[in-house]
Amino acid sequence: MPVITISRGLFSGGEMLAECLSQELGYRCVDREVIVERAAAHGVSQEELRDALQKPPTLLERIQHKKYLYLVLIQAALIEEVRTGQAVYHGNAGHLLLKGGPHILRVRIIAPMEFRLNMAQDRLKLDRFEALDYINRMDQDRRKWTQYLYGTDWGDAGNFDVVLNLESMKIAEAASVVSTLARQPCFEFTPACQAAMDDLALASRVRTQLALYESTAHMEVEVAASNGAVRIAGAVSNAWEVEEVRLAAAAVPGVETVNLDELSSPARL
């Protein structure tokens, strides 16, 4: 059975849908806090990790490279949490954080503003004007976050397998639609899917190692893995840094070979 990611605007019913699906399918329900706690085990602030999942990078963060580190840790934590399938993740950009993973059922749920306002007022004890302002600000931050980090529109239906509108259906009905899709052969979590997810997990571990290793922590790289063979792409300042990347990557359990042909330095151009 696949991994299901649920994308939603604030107070659009995503958490309720995830919990309903978890009960109906027998899947684990994974939320942002589980991922933040796991990522924070590397010694970073949980509050800063939460901000990294919600707010677009400030100019200072872009210069300081902090956002990249946080997102590397969050992505690795999410992949490890769902790598064996049968999980529902409701949180920011799960479908993008798991990009490249096999058979991810990507769901977006939307709800009328009145639905969202009622929920915000009830949970946050805000008046109507405050609730509307809060929802609009959070939606705008998520839109900017997704555009900056992934170059895509936060609400683009092309990023999802199904978009459900609570204007005309209840949560239980939406869950029934998603559970039916999850059981289709196209979303079957086969041994090949598990192998691909294991490759994605290994790549994320290598990327985490490079982001935390003192000699390579300033770099921003892309990593792909296949059956223990790791390929790293990006830019370094000199040939010494190339060797540091090789040493750091090779130290990750499960890595058998390291290909740095796409890692460019002035000496190699």
C-alpha atoms as a PDB file:
ATOM      1  CA  MET A   1       0.000   0.000   0.000  1.00  0.00           C
ATOM      2  CA  PRO A   2       1.330   3.454  -0.870  1.00  0.00           C
ATOM      3  CA  VAL A   3       2.328   6.559   1.012  1.00  0.00           C
ATOM      4  CA  ILE A   4      -0.386   9.229   0.945  1.00  0.00           C
ATOM      5  CA  THR A   5       0.496  12.898   1.235  1.00  0.00           C
ATOM      6  CA  ILE A   6      -2.187  15.459   2.014  1.00  0.00           C
ATOM      7  CA  SER A   7      -1.639  19.082   1.058  1.00  0.00           C
ATOM      8  CA  ARG A   8      -4.033  21.736   2.299  1.00  0.00           C
ATOM      9  CA  GLY A   9      -4.441  25.321   3.279  1.00  0.00           C
ATOM     10  CA  LEU A  10      -4.622  26.143   6.955  1.00  0.00           C
ATOM     11  CA  PHE A  11      -7.818  24.780   8.577  1.00  0.00           C
ATOM     12  CA  SER A  12      -8.960  23.064   5.377  1.00  0.00           C
ATOM     13  CA  GLY A  13      -9.593  19.654   6.942  1.00  0.00           C
ATOM     14  CA  GLY A  14      -6.285  17.970   6.125  1.00  0.00           C
ATOM     15  CA  GLU A  15      -5.697  16.642   9.620  1.00  0.00           C
ATOM     16  CA  MET A  16      -9.243  15.261   9.865  1.00  0.00           C
ATOM     17  CA  LEU A  17      -8.889  13.570   6.479  1.00  0.00           C
ATOM     18  CA  ALA A  18      -5.543  12.026   7.468  1.00  0.00           C
ATOM     19  CA  GLU A  19      -6.954  10.651  10.714  1.00  0.00           C
ATOM     20  CA  CYS A  20      -9.994   9.237   8.922  1.00  0.00           C
ATOM     21  CA  LEU A  21      -7.789   7.546   6.315  1.00  0.00           C
ATOM     22  CA  SER A  22      -5.510   6.169   9.012  1.00  0.00           C
ATOM     23  CA  GLN A  23      -8.461   4.421  10.638  1.00  0.00           C
ATOM     24  CA  GLU A  24     -10.004   3.226   7.387  1.00  0.00           C
ATOM     25  CA  LEU A  25      -6.812   1.881   5.808  1.00  0.00           C
ATOM     26  CA  GLY A  26      -4.871   0.940   8.927  1.00  0.00           C
ATOM     27  CA  TYR A  27      -2.071   3.335   7.945  1.00  0.00           C
ATOM     28  CA  ARG A  28       0.169   5.255  10.321  1.00  0.00           C
ATOM     29  CA  CYS A  29      -0.778   8.913  10.563  1.00  0.00           C
ATOM     30  CA  VAL A  30       2.313  11.142  10.415  1.00  0.00           C
ATOM     31  CA  ASP A  31       2.176  14.856  11.070  1.00  0.00           C
ATOM     32  CA  ARG A  32       4.610  17.732  11.033  1.00  0.00           C
ATOM     33  CA  GLU A  33       5.484  17.405  14.717  1.00  0.00           C
ATOM     34  CA  VAL A  34       6.682  13.804  14.271  1.00  0.00           C
ATOM     35  CA  ILE A  35       9.002  14.951  11.477  1.00  0.00           C
ATOM     36  CA  VAL A  36      10.247  17.990  13.374  1.00  0.00           C
ATOM     37  CA  GLU A  37      11.072  15.892  16.441  1.00  0.00           C
ATOM     38  CA  ARG A  38      12.966  13.366  14.356  1.00  0.00           C
ATOM     39  CA  ALA A  39      14.896  16.040  12.464  1.00  0.00           C
ATOM     40  CA  ALA A  40      15.741  17.900  15.684  1.00  0.00           C
ATOM     41  CA  ALA A  41      17.671  14.838  16.890  1.00  0.00           C
ATOM     42  CA  HIS A  42      20.588  16.250  14.876  1.00  0.00           C
ATOM     43  CA  GLY A  43      20.851  19.087  17.379  1.00  0.00           C
ATOM     44  CA  VAL A  44      18.853  21.860  15.724  1.00  0.00           C
ATOM     45  CA  SER A  45      16.007  23.918  17.152  1.00  0.00           C
ATOM     46  CA  GLN A  46      12.508  22.499  16.778  1.00  0.00           C
ATOM     47  CA  GLU A  47      11.115  26.021  16.507  1.00  0.00           C
ATOM     48  CA  GLU A  48      13.449  26.886  13.634  1.00  0.00           C
ATOM     49  CA  LEU A  49      12.529  23.629  11.905  1.00  0.00           C
ATOM     50  CA  ARG A  50       8.836  24.515  12.193  1.00  0.00           C
ATOM     51  CA  ASP A  51       9.548  27.926  10.698  1.00  0.00           C
ATOM     52  CA  ALA A  52      11.462  26.273   7.856  1.00  0.00           C
ATOM     53  CA  LEU A  53       8.311  24.322   6.985  1.00  0.00           C
ATOM     54  CA  GLN A  54       6.041  27.356   7.024  1.00  0.00           C
ATOM     55  CA  LYS A  55       7.829  30.572   6.173  1.00  0.00           C
ATOM     56  CA  PRO A  56       9.692  31.563   3.003  1.00  0.00           C
ATOM     57  CA  PRO A  57      13.420  32.174   3.543  1.00  0.00           C
ATOM     58  CA  THR A  58      14.434  35.680   4.546  1.00  0.00           C
ATOM     59  CA  LEU A  59      17.344  37.351   2.755  1.00  0.00           C
ATOM     60  CA  LEU A  60      19.551  36.680   5.791  1.00  0.00           C
ATOM     61  CA  GLU A  61      18.654  32.984   5.804  1.00  0.00           C
ATOM     62  CA  ARG A  62      19.531  32.739   2.108  1.00  0.00           C
ATOM     63  CA  ILE A  63      22.935  34.199   2.850  1.00  0.00           C
ATOM     64  CA  GLN A  64      23.502  32.095   5.970  1.00  0.00           C
ATOM     65  CA  HIS A  65      22.501  28.854   4.253  1.00  0.00           C
ATOM     66  CA  LYS A  66      20.339  27.846   7.242  1.00  0.00           C
ATOM     67  CA  LYS A  67      17.150  27.096   5.315  1.00  0.00           C
ATOM     68  CA  TYR A  68      18.921  24.522   3.159  1.00  0.00           C
ATOM     69  CA  LEU A  69      20.166  22.650   6.245  1.00  0.00           C
ATOM     70  CA  TYR A  70      16.733  22.584   7.857  1.00  0.00           C
ATOM     71  CA  LEU A  71      15.021  21.325   4.732  1.00  0.00           C
ATOM     72  CA  VAL A  72      17.638  18.617   4.205  1.00  0.00           C
ATOM     73  CA  LEU A  73      16.993  17.374   7.755  1.00  0.00           C
ATOM     74  CA  ILE A  74      13.212  17.576   7.386  1.00  0.00           C
ATOM     75  CA  GLN A  75      13.230  15.737   4.068  1.00  0.00           C
ATOM     76  CA  ALA A  76      15.461  12.984   5.454  1.00  0.00           C
ATOM     77  CA  ALA A  77      13.257  12.614   8.534  1.00  0.00           C
ATOM     78  CA  LEU A  78      10.097  12.348   6.429  1.00  0.00           C
ATOM     79  CA  ILE A  79      11.597   9.784   4.057  1.00  0.00           C
ATOM     80  CA  GLU A  80      12.765   7.605   6.941  1.00  0.00           C
ATOM     81  CA  GLU A  81       9.355   7.860   8.589  1.00  0.00           C
ATOM     82  CA  VAL A  82       7.366   6.685   5.538  1.00  0.00           C
ATOM     83  CA  ARG A  83       9.893   4.576   3.623  1.00  0.00           C
ATOM     84  CA  THR A  84       8.077   1.269   4.191  1.00  0.00           C
ATOM     85  CA  GLY A  85       4.722   2.567   2.931  1.00  0.00           C
ATOM     86  CA  GLN A  86       1.307   2.426   4.586  1.00  0.00           C
ATOM     87  CA  ALA A  87       1.553   5.954   5.945  1.00  0.00           C
ATOM     88  CA  VAL A  88      -0.471   9.147   5.620  1.00  0.00           C
ATOM     89  CA  TYR A  89       1.469  12.393   5.953  1.00  0.00           C
ATOM     90  CA  HIS A  90      -0.387  15.639   6.436  1.00  0.00           C
ATOM     91  CA  GLY A  91       1.964  18.572   6.475  1.00  0.00           C
ATOM     92  CA  ASN A  92       3.562  21.201   4.315  1.00  0.00           C
ATOM     93  CA  ALA A  93       4.652  20.088   0.852  1.00  0.00           C
ATOM     94  CA  GLY A  94       4.900  16.371   1.550  1.00  0.00           C
ATOM     95  CA  HIS A  95       4.402  15.691  -2.153  1.00  0.00           C
ATOM     96  CA  LEU A  96       7.431  17.905  -2.918  1.00  0.00           C
ATOM     97  CA  LEU A  97       9.637  16.688  -0.073  1.00  0.00           C
ATOM     98  CA  LEU A  98       9.065  13.117  -1.293  1.00  0.00           C
ATOM     99  CA  LYS A  99       9.555  13.971  -4.953  1.00  0.00           C
ATOM    100  CA  GLY A 100      11.206  11.040  -6.679  1.00  0.00           C
ATOM    101  CA  GLY A 101       9.615   8.532  -4.333  1.00  0.00           C
ATOM    102  CA  PRO A 102       7.586   5.764  -5.984  1.00  0.00           C
ATOM    103  CA  HIS A 103       3.817   5.480  -5.828  1.00  0.00           C
ATOM    104  CA  ILE A 104       3.128   8.510  -3.697  1.00  0.00           C
ATOM    105  CA  LEU A 105      -0.606   9.219  -3.743  1.00  0.00           C
ATOM    106  CA  ARG A 106      -0.626  13.019  -3.741  1.00  0.00           C
ATOM    107  CA  VAL A 107      -3.862  14.486  -2.410  1.00  0.00           C
ATOM    108  CA  ARG A 108      -4.880  18.119  -2.121  1.00  0.00           C
ATOM    109  CA  ILE A 109      -7.918  19.072  -0.092  1.00  0.00           C
ATOM    110  CA  ILE A 110      -9.592  22.463  -0.316  1.00  0.00           C
ATOM    111  CA  ALA A 111     -12.443  23.911   1.688  1.00  0.00           C
ATOM    112  CA  PRO A 112     -14.721  26.962   1.509  1.00  0.00           C
ATOM    113  CA  MET A 113     -13.467  29.975   3.441  1.00  0.00           C
ATOM    114  CA  GLU A 114     -16.455  29.767   5.775  1.00  0.00           C
ATOM    115  CA  PHE A 115     -15.384  26.248   6.798  1.00  0.00           C
ATOM    116  CA  ARG A 116     -11.838  27.461   7.428  1.00  0.00           C
ATOM    117  CA  LEU A 117     -12.933  30.541   9.332  1.00  0.00           C
ATOM    118  CA  ASN A 118     -15.181  28.553  11.651  1.00  0.00           C
ATOM    119  CA  MET A 119     -12.373  26.138  12.439  1.00  0.00           C
ATOM    120  CA  ALA A 120      -9.821  28.918  12.998  1.00  0.00           C
ATOM    121  CA  GLN A 121     -12.164  30.819  15.278  1.00  0.00           C
ATOM    122  CA  ASP A 122     -12.923  27.703  17.288  1.00  0.00           C
ATOM    123  CA  ARG A 123      -9.347  26.453  17.662  1.00  0.00           C
ATOM    124  CA  LEU A 124      -7.495  29.756  18.026  1.00  0.00           C
ATOM    125  CA  LYS A 125     -10.257  31.707  19.782  1.00  0.00           C
ATOM    126  CA  LEU A 126     -10.063  34.546  17.250  1.00  0.00           C
ATOM    127  CA  ASP A 127     -12.792  36.843  16.013  1.00  0.00           C
ATOM    128  CA  ARG A 128     -13.796  36.618  12.369  1.00  0.00           C
ATOM    129  CA  PHE A 129     -11.545  39.450  11.174  1.00  0.00           C
ATOM    130  CA  GLU A 130      -8.507  38.059  13.020  1.00  0.00           C
ATOM    131  CA  ALA A 131      -9.143  34.565  11.697  1.00  0.00           C
ATOM    132  CA  LEU A 132      -9.400  35.787   8.103  1.00  0.00           C
ATOM    133  CA  ASP A 133      -6.194  37.803   8.411  1.00  0.00           C
ATOM    134  CA  TYR A 134      -4.348  34.846   9.946  1.00  0.00           C
ATOM    135  CA  ILE A 135      -5.477  32.398   7.255  1.00  0.00           C
ATOM    136  CA  ASN A 136      -4.569  34.798   4.439  1.00  0.00           C
ATOM    137  CA  ARG A 137      -1.103  35.421   5.882  1.00  0.00           C
ATOM    138  CA  MET A 138      -0.379  31.728   6.322  1.00  0.00           C
ATOM    139  CA  ASP A 139      -1.590  30.915   2.812  1.00  0.00           C
ATOM    140  CA  GLN A 140       0.627  33.646   1.394  1.00  0.00           C
ATOM    141  CA  ASP A 141       3.667  32.373   3.277  1.00  0.00           C
ATOM    142  CA  ARG A 142       3.106  28.832   2.003  1.00  0.00           C
ATOM    143  CA  ARG A 143       2.685  30.096  -1.537  1.00  0.00           C
ATOM    144  CA  LYS A 144       5.971  32.020  -1.343  1.00  0.00           C
ATOM    145  CA  TRP A 145       7.707  29.063   0.357  1.00  0.00           C
ATOM    146  CA  THR A 146       6.749  26.655  -2.403  1.00  0.00           C
ATOM    147  CA  GLN A 147       7.574  29.083  -5.191  1.00  0.00           C
ATOM    148  CA  TYR A 148      11.001  29.955  -3.813  1.00  0.00           C
ATOM    149  CA  LEU A 149      12.124  26.442  -2.919  1.00  0.00           C
ATOM    150  CA  TYR A 150      10.521  24.408  -5.701  1.00  0.00           C
ATOM    151  CA  GLY A 151       9.619  26.929  -8.405  1.00  0.00           C
ATOM    152  CA  THR A 152       6.011  25.777  -8.491  1.00  0.00           C
ATOM    153  CA  ASP A 153       2.625  27.195  -7.613  1.00  0.00           C
ATOM    154  CA  TRP A 154       1.490  25.932  -4.219  1.00  0.00           C
ATOM    155  CA  GLY A 155      -2.041  25.252  -5.458  1.00  0.00           C
ATOM    156  CA  ASP A 156      -1.234  23.936  -8.951  1.00  0.00           C
ATOM    157  CA  ALA A 157      -3.523  20.929  -9.491  1.00  0.00           C
ATOM    158  CA  GLY A 158      -0.882  19.401 -11.753  1.00  0.00           C
ATOM    159  CA  ASN A 159       1.176  18.585  -8.659  1.00  0.00           C
ATOM    160  CA  PHE A 160      -1.505  16.218  -7.329  1.00  0.00           C
ATOM    161  CA  ASP A 161      -3.235  12.985  -8.267  1.00  0.00           C
ATOM    162  CA  VAL A 162      -6.562  14.151  -6.888  1.00  0.00           C
ATOM    163  CA  VAL A 163      -8.031  17.413  -5.590  1.00  0.00           C
ATOM    164  CA  LEU A 164     -11.017  17.153  -3.235  1.00  0.00           C
ATOM    165  CA  ASN A 165     -13.368  20.015  -2.410  1.00  0.00           C
ATOM    166  CA  LEU A 166     -15.189  19.949   0.924  1.00  0.00           C
ATOM    167  CA  GLU A 167     -17.777  22.322  -0.441  1.00  0.00           C
ATOM    168  CA  SER A 168     -19.740  19.351  -1.744  1.00  0.00           C
ATOM    169  CA  MET A 169     -18.554  16.395   0.342  1.00  0.00           C
ATOM    170  CA  LYS A 170     -17.910  15.457   3.936  1.00  0.00           C
ATOM    171  CA  ILE A 171     -14.595  14.294   5.358  1.00  0.00           C
ATOM    172  CA  ALA A 172     -15.779  10.663   5.481  1.00  0.00           C
ATOM    173  CA  GLU A 173     -16.763  10.840   1.804  1.00  0.00           C
ATOM    174  CA  ALA A 174     -13.417  12.385   0.875  1.00  0.00           C
ATOM    175  CA  ALA A 175     -11.649   9.606   2.788  1.00  0.00           C
ATOM    176  CA  SER A 176     -13.653   7.007   0.880  1.00  0.00           C
ATOM    177  CA  VAL A 177     -12.514   8.506  -2.434  1.00  0.00           C
ATOM    178  CA  VAL A 178      -8.850   8.492  -1.385  1.00  0.00           C
ATOM    179  CA  SER A 179      -8.953   4.988   0.106  1.00  0.00           C
ATOM    180  CA  THR A 180     -10.454   3.675  -3.134  1.00  0.00           C
ATOM    181  CA  LEU A 181      -7.609   5.259  -5.101  1.00  0.00           C
ATOM    182  CA  ALA A 182      -5.021   3.898  -2.683  1.00  0.00           C
ATOM    183  CA  ARG A 183      -6.186   0.359  -3.428  1.00  0.00           C
ATOM    184  CA  GLN A 184      -5.778   0.704  -7.188  1.00  0.00           C
ATOM    185  CA  PRO A 185      -2.993  -1.314  -8.876  1.00  0.00           C
ATOM    186  CA  CYS A 186      -1.231   1.868 -10.028  1.00  0.00           C
ATOM    187  CA  PHE A 187      -0.495   2.725  -6.376  1.00  0.00           C
ATOM    188  CA  GLU A 188       0.521  -0.772  -5.268  1.00  0.00           C
ATOM    189  CA  PHE A 189       3.667  -0.668  -3.129  1.00  0.00           C
ATOM    190  CA  THR A 190       5.650  -3.415  -4.863  1.00  0.00           C
ATOM    191  CA  PRO A 191       9.161  -4.704  -4.015  1.00  0.00           C
ATOM    192  CA  ALA A 192      10.434  -2.450  -6.813  1.00  0.00           C
ATOM    193  CA  CYS A 193       8.775   0.506  -5.096  1.00  0.00           C
ATOM    194  CA  GLN A 194      10.407  -0.447  -1.820  1.00  0.00           C
ATOM    195  CA  ALA A 195      13.804  -0.596  -3.525  1.00  0.00           C
ATOM    196  CA  ALA A 196      13.246   2.844  -5.032  1.00  0.00           C
ATOM    197  CA  MET A 197      12.222   4.229  -1.651  1.00  0.00           C
ATOM    198  CA  ASP A 198      15.328   2.696  -0.088  1.00  0.00           C
ATOM    199  CA  ASP A 199      17.414   4.470  -2.744  1.00  0.00           C
ATOM    200  CA  LEU A 200      15.678   7.743  -1.907  1.00  0.00           C
ATOM    201  CA  ALA A 201      16.386   7.182   1.792  1.00  0.00           C
ATOM    202  CA  LEU A 202      20.069   6.487   1.136  1.00  0.00           C
ATOM    203  CA  ALA A 203      20.368   9.636  -0.972  1.00  0.00           C
ATOM    204  CA  SER A 204      18.768  11.668   1.812  1.00  0.00           C
ATOM    205  CA  ARG A 205      21.187  10.212   4.373  1.00  0.00           C
ATOM    206  CA  VAL A 206      24.147  11.190   2.214  1.00  0.00           C
ATOM    207  CA  ARG A 207      22.749  14.690   1.740  1.00  0.00           C
ATOM    208  CA  THR A 208      22.269  14.974   5.504  1.00  0.00           C
ATOM    209  CA  GLN A 209      25.833  13.790   6.121  1.00  0.00           C
ATOM    210  CA  LEU A 210      27.181  16.435   3.752  1.00  0.00           C
ATOM    211  CA  ALA A 211      25.007  19.137   5.325  1.00  0.00           C
ATOM    212  CA  LEU A 212      26.316  18.307   8.814  1.00  0.00           C
ATOM    213  CA  TYR A 213      29.948  17.430   8.009  1.00  0.00           C
ATOM    214  CA  GLU A 214      32.145  20.415   8.886  1.00  0.00           C
ATOM    215  CA  SER A 215      34.129  20.513   5.636  1.00  0.00           C
ATOM    216  CA  THR A 216      31.049  20.274   3.392  1.00  0.00           C
ATOM    217  CA  ALA A 217      28.342  21.972   5.480  1.00  0.00           C
ATOM    218  CA  HIS A 218      28.478  25.160   3.385  1.00  0.00           C
ATOM    219  CA  MET A 219      27.593  23.345   0.138  1.00  0.00           C
ATOM    220  CA  GLU A 220      24.220  22.812  -1.490  1.00  0.00           C
ATOM    221  CA  VAL A 221      24.158  19.614  -3.539  1.00  0.00           C
ATOM    222  CA  GLU A 222      21.780  17.176  -5.179  1.00  0.00           C
ATOM    223  CA  VAL A 223      22.190  13.482  -4.427  1.00  0.00           C
ATOM    224  CA  ALA A 224      20.771  10.410  -6.171  1.00  0.00           C
ATOM    225  CA  ALA A 225      21.285   6.761  -5.255  1.00  0.00           C
ATOM    226  CA  SER A 226      20.704   3.415  -6.936  1.00  0.00           C
ATOM    227  CA  ASN A 227      21.588   0.095  -5.318  1.00  0.00           C
ATOM    228  CA  GLY A 228      24.389   1.637  -3.266  1.00  0.00           C
ATOM    229  CA  ALA A 229      25.785   3.733  -6.114  1.00  0.00           C
ATOM    230  CA  VAL A 230      25.589   7.419  -5.183  1.00  0.00           C
ATOM    231  CA  ARG A 231      25.813  10.349  -7.602  1.00  0.00           C
ATOM    232  CA  ILE A 232      26.388  13.880  -6.296  1.00  0.00           C
ATOM    233  CA  ALA A 233      25.888  17.060  -8.317  1.00  0.00           C
ATOM    234  CA  GLY A 234      26.679  20.628  -7.353  1.00  0.00           C
ATOM    235  CA  ALA A 235      29.509  23.139  -7.097  1.00  0.00           C
ATOM    236  CA  VAL A 236      32.617  23.241  -4.912  1.00  0.00           C
ATOM    237  CA  SER A 237      35.374  25.832  -4.573  1.00  0.00           C
ATOM    238  CA  ASN A 238      38.424  23.646  -5.162  1.00  0.00           C
ATOM    239  CA  ALA A 239      39.693  20.108  -5.688  1.00  0.00           C
ATOM    240  CA  TRP A 240      40.229  19.616  -1.934  1.00  0.00           C
ATOM    241  CA  GLU A 241      36.512  20.037  -1.344  1.00  0.00           C
ATOM    242  CA  VAL A 242      35.795  17.379  -3.971  1.00  0.00           C
ATOM    243  CA  GLU A 243      37.764  14.875  -1.933  1.00  0.00           C
ATOM    244  CA  GLU A 244      35.999  15.975   1.263  1.00  0.00           C
ATOM    245  CA  VAL A 245      32.654  15.275  -0.401  1.00  0.00           C
ATOM    246  CA  ARG A 246      33.880  11.838  -1.422  1.00  0.00           C
ATOM    247  CA  LEU A 247      35.076  10.997   2.090  1.00  0.00           C
ATOM    248  CA  ALA A 248      31.888  12.206   3.772  1.00  0.00           C
ATOM    249  CA  ALA A 249      29.589  10.390   1.351  1.00  0.00           C
ATOM    250  CA  ALA A 250      31.571   7.143   1.441  1.00  0.00           C
ATOM    251  CA  ALA A 251      31.241   7.056   5.249  1.00  0.00           C
ATOM    252  CA  VAL A 252      27.447   6.676   5.079  1.00  0.00           C
ATOM    253  CA  PRO A 253      26.371   3.043   5.668  1.00  0.00           C
ATOM    254  CA  GLY A 254      25.011   1.504   2.488  1.00  0.00           C
ATOM    255  CA  VAL A 255      27.125   3.577   0.093  1.00  0.00           C
ATOM    256  CA  GLU A 256      29.211   1.375  -2.193  1.00  0.00           C
ATOM    257  CA  THR A 257      30.415   3.808  -4.849  1.00  0.00           C
ATOM    258  CA  VAL A 258      30.452   7.598  -5.159  1.00  0.00           C
ATOM    259  CA  ASN A 259      30.237   9.335  -8.550  1.00  0.00           C
ATOM    260  CA  LEU A 260      31.334  12.988  -8.526  1.00  0.00           C
ATOM    261  CA  ASP A 261      31.391  13.599 -12.289  1.00  0.00           C
ATOM    262  CA  GLU A 262      28.673  16.237 -11.871  1.00  0.00           C
ATOM    263  CA  LEU A 263      30.418  17.985  -8.991  1.00  0.00           C
ATOM    264  CA  SER A 264      32.136  20.982 -10.534  1.00  0.00           C
ATOM    265  CA  SER A 265      35.095  22.987  -9.230  1.00  0.00           C
ATOM    266  CA  PRO A 266      37.220  25.667 -10.923  1.00  0.00           C
ATOM    267  CA  ALA A 267      40.045  23.161 -11.375  1.00  0.00           C
ATOM    268  CA  ARG A 268      37.741  20.764 -13.209  1.00  0.00           C
ATOM    269  CA  LEU A 269      36.015  23.252 -15.534  1.00  0.00           C
END
